N, C-alpha and C. Protein backbone atom coordinates (compact mmCIF):
# COMPACT_ATOMS: atom_id res chain seq x y z
N MET A 1 24.29 -9.87 -39.39
CA MET A 1 23.43 -10.20 -38.28
C MET A 1 24.14 -9.87 -36.97
N HIS A 2 23.38 -9.34 -36.00
CA HIS A 2 23.95 -8.95 -34.71
C HIS A 2 23.99 -10.16 -33.78
N GLN A 3 25.15 -10.40 -33.21
CA GLN A 3 25.29 -11.54 -32.31
C GLN A 3 24.94 -11.13 -30.88
N ARG A 4 24.21 -11.99 -30.21
CA ARG A 4 23.79 -11.73 -28.83
C ARG A 4 25.00 -11.81 -27.91
N LYS A 5 25.10 -10.84 -27.00
CA LYS A 5 26.24 -10.81 -26.07
C LYS A 5 26.00 -11.80 -24.93
N SER A 6 27.04 -12.45 -24.52
CA SER A 6 26.92 -13.41 -23.43
C SER A 6 27.74 -12.90 -22.24
N TYR A 7 27.25 -13.17 -21.04
CA TYR A 7 27.91 -12.69 -19.82
C TYR A 7 28.23 -13.89 -18.94
N PRO A 8 29.36 -13.86 -18.23
CA PRO A 8 29.70 -14.97 -17.32
C PRO A 8 28.73 -15.01 -16.14
N LYS A 9 28.53 -16.20 -15.61
CA LYS A 9 27.61 -16.38 -14.48
C LYS A 9 28.01 -15.54 -13.28
N SER A 10 29.29 -15.40 -13.04
CA SER A 10 29.74 -14.61 -11.89
C SER A 10 29.33 -13.14 -12.04
N PHE A 11 29.39 -12.63 -13.28
CA PHE A 11 28.97 -11.26 -13.54
C PHE A 11 27.47 -11.11 -13.33
N LYS A 12 26.70 -12.06 -13.87
CA LYS A 12 25.24 -12.02 -13.72
C LYS A 12 24.87 -12.05 -12.24
N SER A 13 25.53 -12.92 -11.50
CA SER A 13 25.26 -13.04 -10.07
C SER A 13 25.56 -11.73 -9.34
N GLN A 14 26.65 -11.08 -9.69
CA GLN A 14 27.03 -9.81 -9.07
C GLN A 14 25.99 -8.73 -9.38
N VAL A 15 25.52 -8.66 -10.62
CA VAL A 15 24.52 -7.65 -11.01
C VAL A 15 23.22 -7.90 -10.26
N VAL A 16 22.81 -9.15 -10.15
CA VAL A 16 21.57 -9.48 -9.41
C VAL A 16 21.73 -9.10 -7.95
N LYS A 17 22.90 -9.36 -7.37
CA LYS A 17 23.16 -9.01 -5.98
C LYS A 17 23.02 -7.49 -5.78
N GLU A 18 23.52 -6.72 -6.72
CA GLU A 18 23.40 -5.26 -6.65
C GLU A 18 21.93 -4.84 -6.73
N CYS A 19 21.16 -5.52 -7.56
CA CYS A 19 19.74 -5.19 -7.72
C CYS A 19 18.92 -5.49 -6.47
N GLN A 20 19.40 -6.38 -5.63
CA GLN A 20 18.66 -6.78 -4.44
C GLN A 20 18.91 -5.87 -3.25
N GLN A 21 19.75 -4.87 -3.42
CA GLN A 21 20.01 -3.93 -2.33
C GLN A 21 18.79 -3.03 -2.14
N PRO A 22 18.48 -2.64 -0.90
CA PRO A 22 17.32 -1.79 -0.65
C PRO A 22 17.44 -0.43 -1.35
N GLY A 23 16.35 -0.01 -1.95
CA GLY A 23 16.27 1.32 -2.54
C GLY A 23 16.94 1.49 -3.88
N VAL A 24 17.37 0.40 -4.52
CA VAL A 24 18.01 0.55 -5.83
C VAL A 24 17.02 0.22 -6.94
N SER A 25 17.29 0.74 -8.10
CA SER A 25 16.46 0.51 -9.28
C SER A 25 17.17 -0.48 -10.19
N VAL A 26 16.42 -1.48 -10.67
CA VAL A 26 17.00 -2.46 -11.59
C VAL A 26 17.49 -1.74 -12.84
N ALA A 27 16.71 -0.78 -13.31
CA ALA A 27 17.09 -0.04 -14.52
C ALA A 27 18.39 0.74 -14.30
N ALA A 28 18.54 1.35 -13.13
CA ALA A 28 19.75 2.12 -12.85
C ALA A 28 20.98 1.21 -12.78
N ILE A 29 20.84 0.06 -12.15
CA ILE A 29 21.95 -0.89 -12.07
C ILE A 29 22.31 -1.38 -13.47
N ALA A 30 21.28 -1.72 -14.26
CA ALA A 30 21.52 -2.21 -15.61
C ALA A 30 22.26 -1.15 -16.43
N MET A 31 21.80 0.09 -16.35
CA MET A 31 22.44 1.18 -17.11
C MET A 31 23.88 1.38 -16.67
N SER A 32 24.13 1.25 -15.37
CA SER A 32 25.51 1.45 -14.89
C SER A 32 26.48 0.41 -15.45
N HIS A 33 25.93 -0.76 -15.85
CA HIS A 33 26.75 -1.82 -16.45
C HIS A 33 26.62 -1.85 -17.97
N GLY A 34 25.83 -0.92 -18.53
CA GLY A 34 25.67 -0.88 -19.98
C GLY A 34 24.82 -2.01 -20.52
N ILE A 35 23.86 -2.47 -19.72
CA ILE A 35 23.00 -3.59 -20.11
C ILE A 35 21.56 -3.11 -20.13
N ASN A 36 20.75 -3.68 -21.01
CA ASN A 36 19.33 -3.37 -21.04
C ASN A 36 18.67 -3.94 -19.77
N ALA A 37 17.77 -3.17 -19.18
CA ALA A 37 17.13 -3.58 -17.93
C ALA A 37 16.34 -4.87 -18.09
N ASN A 38 15.76 -5.12 -19.26
CA ASN A 38 15.00 -6.36 -19.47
C ASN A 38 15.90 -7.59 -19.39
N VAL A 39 17.14 -7.45 -19.81
CA VAL A 39 18.10 -8.57 -19.71
C VAL A 39 18.35 -8.88 -18.24
N VAL A 40 18.58 -7.83 -17.45
CA VAL A 40 18.84 -8.02 -16.01
C VAL A 40 17.61 -8.62 -15.33
N ARG A 41 16.43 -8.17 -15.71
CA ARG A 41 15.20 -8.71 -15.10
C ARG A 41 15.06 -10.21 -15.38
N ARG A 42 15.55 -10.67 -16.52
CA ARG A 42 15.51 -12.11 -16.81
C ARG A 42 16.48 -12.88 -15.91
N TRP A 43 17.53 -12.22 -15.45
CA TRP A 43 18.50 -12.87 -14.58
C TRP A 43 18.00 -12.98 -13.14
N LEU A 44 17.14 -12.09 -12.72
CA LEU A 44 16.72 -12.04 -11.31
C LEU A 44 16.20 -13.37 -10.80
N PRO A 45 15.24 -14.04 -11.48
CA PRO A 45 14.78 -15.31 -10.93
C PRO A 45 15.84 -16.42 -10.98
N LEU A 46 16.78 -16.31 -11.89
CA LEU A 46 17.80 -17.35 -12.04
C LEU A 46 18.84 -17.31 -10.92
N PHE A 47 19.13 -16.11 -10.43
CA PHE A 47 20.20 -15.96 -9.45
C PHE A 47 19.71 -15.49 -8.08
N SER A 48 18.42 -15.23 -7.94
CA SER A 48 17.94 -14.69 -6.66
C SER A 48 17.89 -15.73 -5.56
N ASP A 49 17.81 -17.02 -5.90
CA ASP A 49 17.77 -18.06 -4.87
C ASP A 49 19.07 -18.15 -4.08
N GLN A 50 20.16 -17.60 -4.60
CA GLN A 50 21.42 -17.62 -3.87
C GLN A 50 21.36 -16.73 -2.64
N GLN A 51 20.49 -15.73 -2.66
CA GLN A 51 20.39 -14.79 -1.55
C GLN A 51 19.31 -15.18 -0.55
N ALA A 52 18.60 -16.28 -0.77
CA ALA A 52 17.46 -16.64 0.07
C ALA A 52 17.84 -16.78 1.54
N SER A 53 19.03 -17.25 1.84
CA SER A 53 19.41 -17.46 3.24
C SER A 53 19.63 -16.13 3.96
N THR A 54 19.91 -15.06 3.24
CA THR A 54 20.17 -13.78 3.89
C THR A 54 18.93 -12.90 3.98
N LEU A 55 17.84 -13.34 3.35
CA LEU A 55 16.63 -12.53 3.39
C LEU A 55 15.94 -12.67 4.75
N PRO A 56 15.29 -11.62 5.23
CA PRO A 56 14.59 -11.72 6.52
C PRO A 56 13.38 -12.64 6.41
N ALA A 57 13.07 -13.32 7.49
CA ALA A 57 11.90 -14.18 7.52
C ALA A 57 10.66 -13.33 7.77
N PHE A 58 9.58 -13.69 7.11
CA PHE A 58 8.32 -12.98 7.31
C PHE A 58 7.43 -13.81 8.22
N ILE A 59 6.84 -13.15 9.17
CA ILE A 59 5.96 -13.81 10.13
C ILE A 59 4.56 -13.28 9.91
N PRO A 60 3.59 -14.17 9.66
CA PRO A 60 2.22 -13.69 9.46
C PRO A 60 1.66 -13.13 10.77
N LEU A 61 1.06 -11.99 10.67
CA LEU A 61 0.47 -11.34 11.83
C LEU A 61 -1.01 -11.11 11.60
N LYS A 62 -1.78 -11.31 12.63
CA LYS A 62 -3.20 -11.00 12.53
C LYS A 62 -3.39 -9.62 13.18
N VAL A 63 -3.82 -8.68 12.38
CA VAL A 63 -3.96 -7.31 12.85
C VAL A 63 -5.44 -7.01 13.02
N GLU A 64 -5.78 -6.55 14.19
CA GLU A 64 -7.16 -6.15 14.45
C GLU A 64 -7.20 -4.63 14.56
N ILE A 65 -8.07 -4.05 13.77
CA ILE A 65 -8.21 -2.61 13.80
C ILE A 65 -9.32 -2.27 14.79
N LYS A 66 -8.95 -1.52 15.79
CA LYS A 66 -9.94 -1.11 16.78
C LYS A 66 -10.41 0.28 16.42
N ARG A 67 -11.67 0.35 16.08
CA ARG A 67 -12.25 1.64 15.73
C ARG A 67 -12.90 2.26 16.95
N LYS A 68 -12.67 3.52 17.08
CA LYS A 68 -13.25 4.24 18.19
C LYS A 68 -14.74 4.42 17.90
N VAL A 69 -15.56 3.93 18.81
CA VAL A 69 -17.00 4.05 18.65
C VAL A 69 -17.43 5.33 19.34
N GLU A 70 -18.02 6.21 18.56
CA GLU A 70 -18.44 7.50 19.10
C GLU A 70 -19.89 7.40 19.57
N ALA A 71 -20.14 7.99 20.72
CA ALA A 71 -21.50 7.99 21.27
C ALA A 71 -22.40 8.84 20.39
N LEU A 72 -23.64 8.36 20.23
CA LEU A 72 -24.62 9.06 19.40
C LEU A 72 -25.78 9.54 20.24
N ALA A 73 -26.29 10.69 19.88
CA ALA A 73 -27.52 11.20 20.51
C ALA A 73 -28.65 10.92 19.54
N THR A 74 -29.80 10.52 20.07
CA THR A 74 -30.97 10.28 19.24
C THR A 74 -31.94 11.43 19.45
N VAL A 75 -32.31 12.05 18.34
CA VAL A 75 -33.23 13.18 18.37
C VAL A 75 -34.48 12.76 17.62
N GLU A 76 -35.63 12.91 18.29
CA GLU A 76 -36.90 12.57 17.65
C GLU A 76 -37.60 13.86 17.27
N LEU A 77 -37.90 14.01 15.99
CA LEU A 77 -38.52 15.23 15.49
C LEU A 77 -39.91 14.91 14.96
N SER A 78 -40.88 15.70 15.36
CA SER A 78 -42.23 15.56 14.82
C SER A 78 -42.40 16.58 13.72
N LEU A 79 -42.62 16.10 12.53
CA LEU A 79 -42.81 16.97 11.37
C LEU A 79 -44.19 16.67 10.80
N GLY A 80 -45.17 17.45 11.23
CA GLY A 80 -46.55 17.19 10.80
C GLY A 80 -47.01 15.88 11.40
N GLN A 81 -47.45 14.98 10.55
CA GLN A 81 -47.94 13.68 11.03
C GLN A 81 -46.83 12.62 11.02
N GLN A 82 -45.63 13.01 10.67
CA GLN A 82 -44.52 12.07 10.62
C GLN A 82 -43.52 12.34 11.73
N THR A 83 -42.88 11.29 12.16
CA THR A 83 -41.83 11.40 13.17
C THR A 83 -40.52 10.95 12.54
N LEU A 84 -39.51 11.77 12.75
CA LEU A 84 -38.19 11.47 12.20
C LEU A 84 -37.22 11.27 13.35
N ASN A 85 -36.55 10.11 13.36
CA ASN A 85 -35.52 9.83 14.37
C ASN A 85 -34.16 10.05 13.73
N VAL A 86 -33.35 10.90 14.35
CA VAL A 86 -32.02 11.22 13.85
C VAL A 86 -30.99 10.82 14.89
N LYS A 87 -29.97 10.07 14.46
CA LYS A 87 -28.85 9.74 15.35
C LYS A 87 -27.68 10.60 14.92
N TRP A 88 -27.10 11.33 15.87
CA TRP A 88 -26.05 12.29 15.57
C TRP A 88 -24.93 12.16 16.59
N PRO A 89 -23.67 12.27 16.17
CA PRO A 89 -22.56 12.18 17.12
C PRO A 89 -22.65 13.28 18.18
N ILE A 90 -22.46 12.89 19.44
CA ILE A 90 -22.57 13.90 20.51
C ILE A 90 -21.41 14.90 20.48
N SER A 91 -20.38 14.60 19.70
CA SER A 91 -19.24 15.52 19.61
C SER A 91 -19.54 16.70 18.68
N ASP A 92 -20.69 16.69 18.01
CA ASP A 92 -21.02 17.76 17.05
C ASP A 92 -22.43 18.30 17.30
N PRO A 93 -22.66 18.92 18.46
CA PRO A 93 -24.01 19.44 18.73
C PRO A 93 -24.39 20.60 17.80
N GLU A 94 -23.41 21.41 17.39
CA GLU A 94 -23.72 22.53 16.50
C GLU A 94 -24.20 22.02 15.14
N GLY A 95 -23.55 20.98 14.63
CA GLY A 95 -23.97 20.39 13.36
C GLY A 95 -25.36 19.82 13.44
N CYS A 96 -25.68 19.20 14.56
CA CYS A 96 -27.03 18.66 14.75
C CYS A 96 -28.05 19.79 14.78
N ALA A 97 -27.72 20.86 15.48
CA ALA A 97 -28.64 22.01 15.56
C ALA A 97 -28.87 22.60 14.17
N ARG A 98 -27.83 22.74 13.37
CA ARG A 98 -27.98 23.26 12.00
C ARG A 98 -28.87 22.33 11.17
N PHE A 99 -28.68 21.03 11.32
CA PHE A 99 -29.47 20.06 10.59
C PHE A 99 -30.95 20.16 10.96
N VAL A 100 -31.22 20.23 12.25
CA VAL A 100 -32.61 20.32 12.72
C VAL A 100 -33.24 21.63 12.25
N ARG A 101 -32.50 22.75 12.37
CA ARG A 101 -33.03 24.03 11.90
C ARG A 101 -33.35 23.99 10.40
N GLY A 102 -32.47 23.33 9.63
CA GLY A 102 -32.70 23.21 8.19
C GLY A 102 -33.94 22.42 7.87
N LEU A 103 -34.26 21.41 8.67
CA LEU A 103 -35.47 20.63 8.45
C LEU A 103 -36.74 21.38 8.81
N THR A 104 -36.65 22.21 9.82
CA THR A 104 -37.87 22.87 10.31
C THR A 104 -38.15 24.17 9.58
N GLN A 105 -37.29 24.63 8.73
CA GLN A 105 -37.56 25.88 8.02
C GLN A 105 -38.40 25.66 6.81
């Protein structure tokens, strides 16, 4: 029967500390120490609270997205006995002209 390997707490803490560095992969750190990544992932919650004081504080922000409102032109088209009102962005008069021509053909 294969016996499970045990690691000292100081070693586990050091590996977790390495995993918490920006841009590193848990799998890469685990492989560099010859350990399965799933074993290291089990250590993360156990030893991550030691680093809590050095982590940056997060501040909730309310972000408002301001959308640019584009002016619209209203074109009223009489097609037989029906009237069609079309609202089109004033920045695209050529597109509006193509649309109207397509309706009247």
